[in-house]
Amino acid sequence: MKNKSSDIIEKKLADYLVRVDRKKCLSFGKCVGAVPELYILDEKQLCSFKKDVKKVNTKNLMESYYLCPVGAIYIYDKNGKQIIP
């Protein structure tokens, strides 16, 4: 899902909501390396989400935040509370 007022995209998973600020993304691809079942680099080489993903490895998901050198990833719990950063 893309927020029309900005370049923020989000993906709802079983236990988390993940948001990516594509304006910050510089195409390092470390997120893809951490969670290849969730992230892809799109045709513009910016972070995007694969379709039909409902659950990912929690440790790898959290690691994707720490590996992103520009801080473009935000992770929320299923109640909407921001847990990272």
N, C-alpha and C. Protein backbone atom coordinates (compact mmCIF):
# COMPACT_ATOMS: atom_id res chain seq x y z
N MET A 1 0.85 -1.18 0.00
CA MET A 1 0.00 0.00 0.00
C MET A 1 0.89 1.24 0.00
N LYS A 2 0.55 2.20 -0.80
CA LYS A 2 1.33 3.44 -0.87
C LYS A 2 0.50 4.61 -0.37
N ASN A 3 1.10 5.40 0.48
CA ASN A 3 0.48 6.60 0.98
C ASN A 3 0.55 7.65 -0.11
N LYS A 4 -0.59 8.15 -0.58
CA LYS A 4 -0.62 9.07 -1.71
C LYS A 4 0.02 10.41 -1.41
N SER A 5 0.10 10.79 -0.15
CA SER A 5 0.65 12.10 0.18
C SER A 5 2.16 12.09 0.34
N SER A 6 2.80 10.93 0.24
CA SER A 6 4.24 10.85 0.41
C SER A 6 4.79 9.60 -0.26
N ASP A 7 6.05 9.36 -0.06
CA ASP A 7 6.67 8.16 -0.59
C ASP A 7 6.84 7.10 0.48
N ILE A 8 5.91 7.02 1.38
CA ILE A 8 5.91 6.00 2.43
C ILE A 8 5.06 4.82 1.92
N ILE A 9 5.66 3.63 1.93
CA ILE A 9 4.90 2.43 1.61
C ILE A 9 4.81 1.59 2.86
N GLU A 10 3.79 0.76 2.95
CA GLU A 10 3.66 -0.09 4.13
C GLU A 10 3.14 -1.47 3.76
N LYS A 11 3.50 -2.42 4.62
CA LYS A 11 3.08 -3.81 4.45
C LYS A 11 2.62 -4.33 5.80
N LYS A 12 1.40 -4.83 5.83
CA LYS A 12 0.85 -5.42 7.06
C LYS A 12 1.17 -6.90 7.05
N LEU A 13 1.83 -7.34 8.11
CA LEU A 13 2.14 -8.74 8.30
C LEU A 13 1.28 -9.27 9.44
N ALA A 14 1.39 -10.55 9.74
CA ALA A 14 0.58 -11.13 10.81
C ALA A 14 0.80 -10.42 12.15
N ASP A 15 2.04 -10.13 12.49
CA ASP A 15 2.35 -9.55 13.79
C ASP A 15 2.92 -8.13 13.74
N TYR A 16 3.18 -7.62 12.54
CA TYR A 16 3.84 -6.33 12.42
C TYR A 16 3.31 -5.53 11.25
N LEU A 17 3.55 -4.23 11.32
CA LEU A 17 3.35 -3.34 10.19
C LEU A 17 4.72 -2.75 9.88
N VAL A 18 5.13 -2.84 8.63
CA VAL A 18 6.44 -2.35 8.22
C VAL A 18 6.22 -1.17 7.28
N ARG A 19 6.89 -0.08 7.54
CA ARG A 19 6.83 1.09 6.66
C ARG A 19 8.23 1.39 6.14
N VAL A 20 8.27 1.82 4.89
CA VAL A 20 9.54 2.21 4.27
C VAL A 20 9.37 3.60 3.68
N ASP A 21 10.30 4.47 4.02
CA ASP A 21 10.33 5.81 3.45
C ASP A 21 11.22 5.76 2.21
N ARG A 22 10.58 5.68 1.06
CA ARG A 22 11.31 5.53 -0.20
C ARG A 22 12.10 6.79 -0.57
N LYS A 23 11.78 7.93 0.02
CA LYS A 23 12.58 9.13 -0.22
C LYS A 23 13.97 8.99 0.39
N LYS A 24 14.06 8.21 1.46
CA LYS A 24 15.35 8.00 2.12
C LYS A 24 16.16 6.88 1.47
N CYS A 25 15.48 5.94 0.82
CA CYS A 25 16.14 4.75 0.28
C CYS A 25 17.21 5.13 -0.74
N LEU A 26 18.40 4.54 -0.57
CA LEU A 26 19.50 4.78 -1.50
C LEU A 26 19.94 3.49 -2.21
N SER A 27 19.08 2.48 -2.19
CA SER A 27 19.26 1.25 -2.99
C SER A 27 20.45 0.39 -2.57
N PHE A 28 20.81 0.39 -1.31
CA PHE A 28 21.88 -0.49 -0.86
C PHE A 28 21.47 -1.96 -0.94
N GLY A 29 20.18 -2.25 -0.71
CA GLY A 29 19.68 -3.62 -0.82
C GLY A 29 19.94 -4.50 0.39
N LYS A 30 20.41 -3.91 1.47
CA LYS A 30 20.68 -4.70 2.67
C LYS A 30 19.39 -5.27 3.26
N CYS A 31 18.29 -4.58 3.08
CA CYS A 31 16.99 -5.09 3.54
C CYS A 31 16.63 -6.37 2.79
N VAL A 32 16.89 -6.39 1.49
CA VAL A 32 16.61 -7.57 0.67
C VAL A 32 17.46 -8.74 1.14
N GLY A 33 18.71 -8.47 1.45
CA GLY A 33 19.58 -9.52 1.96
C GLY A 33 19.11 -10.09 3.29
N ALA A 34 18.55 -9.24 4.13
CA ALA A 34 18.10 -9.66 5.46
C ALA A 34 16.77 -10.43 5.40
N VAL A 35 15.85 -9.95 4.57
CA VAL A 35 14.51 -10.56 4.50
C VAL A 35 14.07 -10.65 3.03
N PRO A 36 14.68 -11.56 2.27
CA PRO A 36 14.35 -11.65 0.85
C PRO A 36 12.92 -12.08 0.57
N GLU A 37 12.27 -12.68 1.54
CA GLU A 37 10.87 -13.06 1.35
C GLU A 37 9.92 -11.86 1.47
N LEU A 38 10.41 -10.73 1.96
CA LEU A 38 9.58 -9.53 2.14
C LEU A 38 9.95 -8.39 1.19
N TYR A 39 11.24 -8.07 1.14
CA TYR A 39 11.69 -6.89 0.40
C TYR A 39 12.19 -7.25 -1.00
N ILE A 40 12.01 -6.30 -1.91
CA ILE A 40 12.62 -6.34 -3.24
C ILE A 40 13.06 -4.92 -3.59
N LEU A 41 13.95 -4.81 -4.53
CA LEU A 41 14.24 -3.50 -5.12
C LEU A 41 13.43 -3.43 -6.40
N ASP A 42 12.63 -2.39 -6.53
CA ASP A 42 11.73 -2.27 -7.69
C ASP A 42 12.47 -1.77 -8.92
N GLU A 43 11.73 -1.44 -9.96
CA GLU A 43 12.33 -0.99 -11.23
C GLU A 43 13.14 0.30 -11.08
N LYS A 44 12.88 1.07 -10.03
CA LYS A 44 13.67 2.28 -9.75
C LYS A 44 14.81 1.99 -8.79
N GLN A 45 14.96 0.70 -8.45
CA GLN A 45 15.98 0.24 -7.50
C GLN A 45 15.75 0.80 -6.10
N LEU A 46 14.47 1.00 -5.75
CA LEU A 46 14.09 1.45 -4.41
C LEU A 46 13.41 0.30 -3.68
N CYS A 47 13.52 0.32 -2.36
CA CYS A 47 12.92 -0.72 -1.54
C CYS A 47 11.41 -0.78 -1.77
N SER A 48 10.92 -1.99 -1.95
CA SER A 48 9.50 -2.24 -2.10
C SER A 48 9.20 -3.58 -1.43
N PHE A 49 7.93 -3.98 -1.46
CA PHE A 49 7.53 -5.23 -0.82
C PHE A 49 7.08 -6.25 -1.86
N LYS A 50 7.36 -7.50 -1.57
CA LYS A 50 6.80 -8.57 -2.37
C LYS A 50 5.32 -8.70 -2.02
N LYS A 51 4.55 -9.21 -2.94
CA LYS A 51 3.12 -9.40 -2.71
C LYS A 51 2.88 -10.70 -1.94
N ASP A 52 1.74 -10.77 -1.30
CA ASP A 52 1.27 -11.99 -0.63
C ASP A 52 2.20 -12.51 0.46
N VAL A 53 2.86 -11.62 1.18
CA VAL A 53 3.69 -12.00 2.32
C VAL A 53 2.89 -11.70 3.57
N LYS A 54 2.72 -12.69 4.43
CA LYS A 54 1.96 -12.49 5.66
C LYS A 54 2.83 -12.61 6.91
N LYS A 55 3.89 -13.41 6.84
CA LYS A 55 4.71 -13.66 8.02
C LYS A 55 6.17 -13.79 7.59
N VAL A 56 7.05 -13.23 8.40
CA VAL A 56 8.49 -13.33 8.16
C VAL A 56 9.18 -13.65 9.48
N ASN A 57 10.43 -14.04 9.40
CA ASN A 57 11.23 -14.31 10.59
C ASN A 57 11.44 -12.99 11.34
N THR A 58 11.01 -12.96 12.59
CA THR A 58 11.06 -11.73 13.39
C THR A 58 12.48 -11.20 13.55
N LYS A 59 13.40 -12.08 13.84
CA LYS A 59 14.80 -11.66 14.02
C LYS A 59 15.33 -10.99 12.75
N ASN A 60 15.05 -11.59 11.61
CA ASN A 60 15.51 -11.02 10.34
C ASN A 60 14.83 -9.70 10.04
N LEU A 61 13.54 -9.60 10.38
CA LEU A 61 12.82 -8.35 10.17
C LEU A 61 13.45 -7.22 10.98
N MET A 62 13.72 -7.47 12.25
CA MET A 62 14.35 -6.46 13.10
C MET A 62 15.75 -6.11 12.58
N GLU A 63 16.46 -7.11 12.11
CA GLU A 63 17.80 -6.89 11.58
C GLU A 63 17.76 -5.98 10.34
N SER A 64 16.69 -6.09 9.56
CA SER A 64 16.59 -5.26 8.36
C SER A 64 16.62 -3.78 8.71
N TYR A 65 16.02 -3.42 9.82
CA TYR A 65 16.07 -2.03 10.28
C TYR A 65 17.51 -1.61 10.56
N TYR A 66 18.22 -2.44 11.32
CA TYR A 66 19.58 -2.10 11.73
C TYR A 66 20.56 -2.10 10.56
N LEU A 67 20.27 -2.89 9.53
CA LEU A 67 21.16 -2.95 8.37
C LEU A 67 20.95 -1.80 7.39
N CYS A 68 19.79 -1.15 7.44
CA CYS A 68 19.50 -0.06 6.51
C CYS A 68 20.36 1.15 6.91
N PRO A 69 21.32 1.52 6.05
CA PRO A 69 22.23 2.60 6.43
C PRO A 69 21.61 3.99 6.47
N VAL A 70 20.40 4.14 5.94
CA VAL A 70 19.77 5.46 5.91
C VAL A 70 18.53 5.55 6.80
N GLY A 71 18.20 4.49 7.52
CA GLY A 71 17.07 4.53 8.44
C GLY A 71 15.72 4.69 7.76
N ALA A 72 15.53 4.00 6.64
CA ALA A 72 14.29 4.13 5.88
C ALA A 72 13.20 3.17 6.33
N ILE A 73 13.50 2.27 7.26
CA ILE A 73 12.55 1.23 7.68
C ILE A 73 12.04 1.54 9.08
N TYR A 74 10.72 1.40 9.24
CA TYR A 74 10.05 1.60 10.53
C TYR A 74 9.19 0.37 10.79
N ILE A 75 9.20 -0.12 12.02
CA ILE A 75 8.46 -1.33 12.35
C ILE A 75 7.53 -1.06 13.52
N TYR A 76 6.28 -1.49 13.38
CA TYR A 76 5.24 -1.31 14.38
C TYR A 76 4.70 -2.67 14.78
N ASP A 77 4.23 -2.78 16.03
CA ASP A 77 3.59 -4.03 16.44
C ASP A 77 2.18 -4.08 15.90
N LYS A 78 1.48 -5.19 16.14
CA LYS A 78 0.14 -5.36 15.56
C LYS A 78 -0.89 -4.40 16.13
N ASN A 79 -0.55 -3.73 17.23
CA ASN A 79 -1.44 -2.71 17.82
C ASN A 79 -1.13 -1.30 17.33
N GLY A 80 -0.14 -1.18 16.46
CA GLY A 80 0.20 0.12 15.90
C GLY A 80 1.26 0.88 16.67
N LYS A 81 1.84 0.27 17.71
CA LYS A 81 2.88 0.94 18.49
C LYS A 81 4.23 0.79 17.77
N GLN A 82 4.89 1.92 17.53
CA GLN A 82 6.18 1.87 16.86
C GLN A 82 7.20 1.24 17.79
N ILE A 83 7.85 0.18 17.30
CA ILE A 83 8.85 -0.51 18.12
C ILE A 83 10.27 -0.28 17.62
N ILE A 84 10.41 0.07 16.35
CA ILE A 84 11.73 0.39 15.78
C ILE A 84 11.51 1.50 14.78
N PRO A 85 12.25 2.55 14.76
CA PRO A 85 13.23 2.98 15.74
C PRO A 85 12.57 3.57 16.95
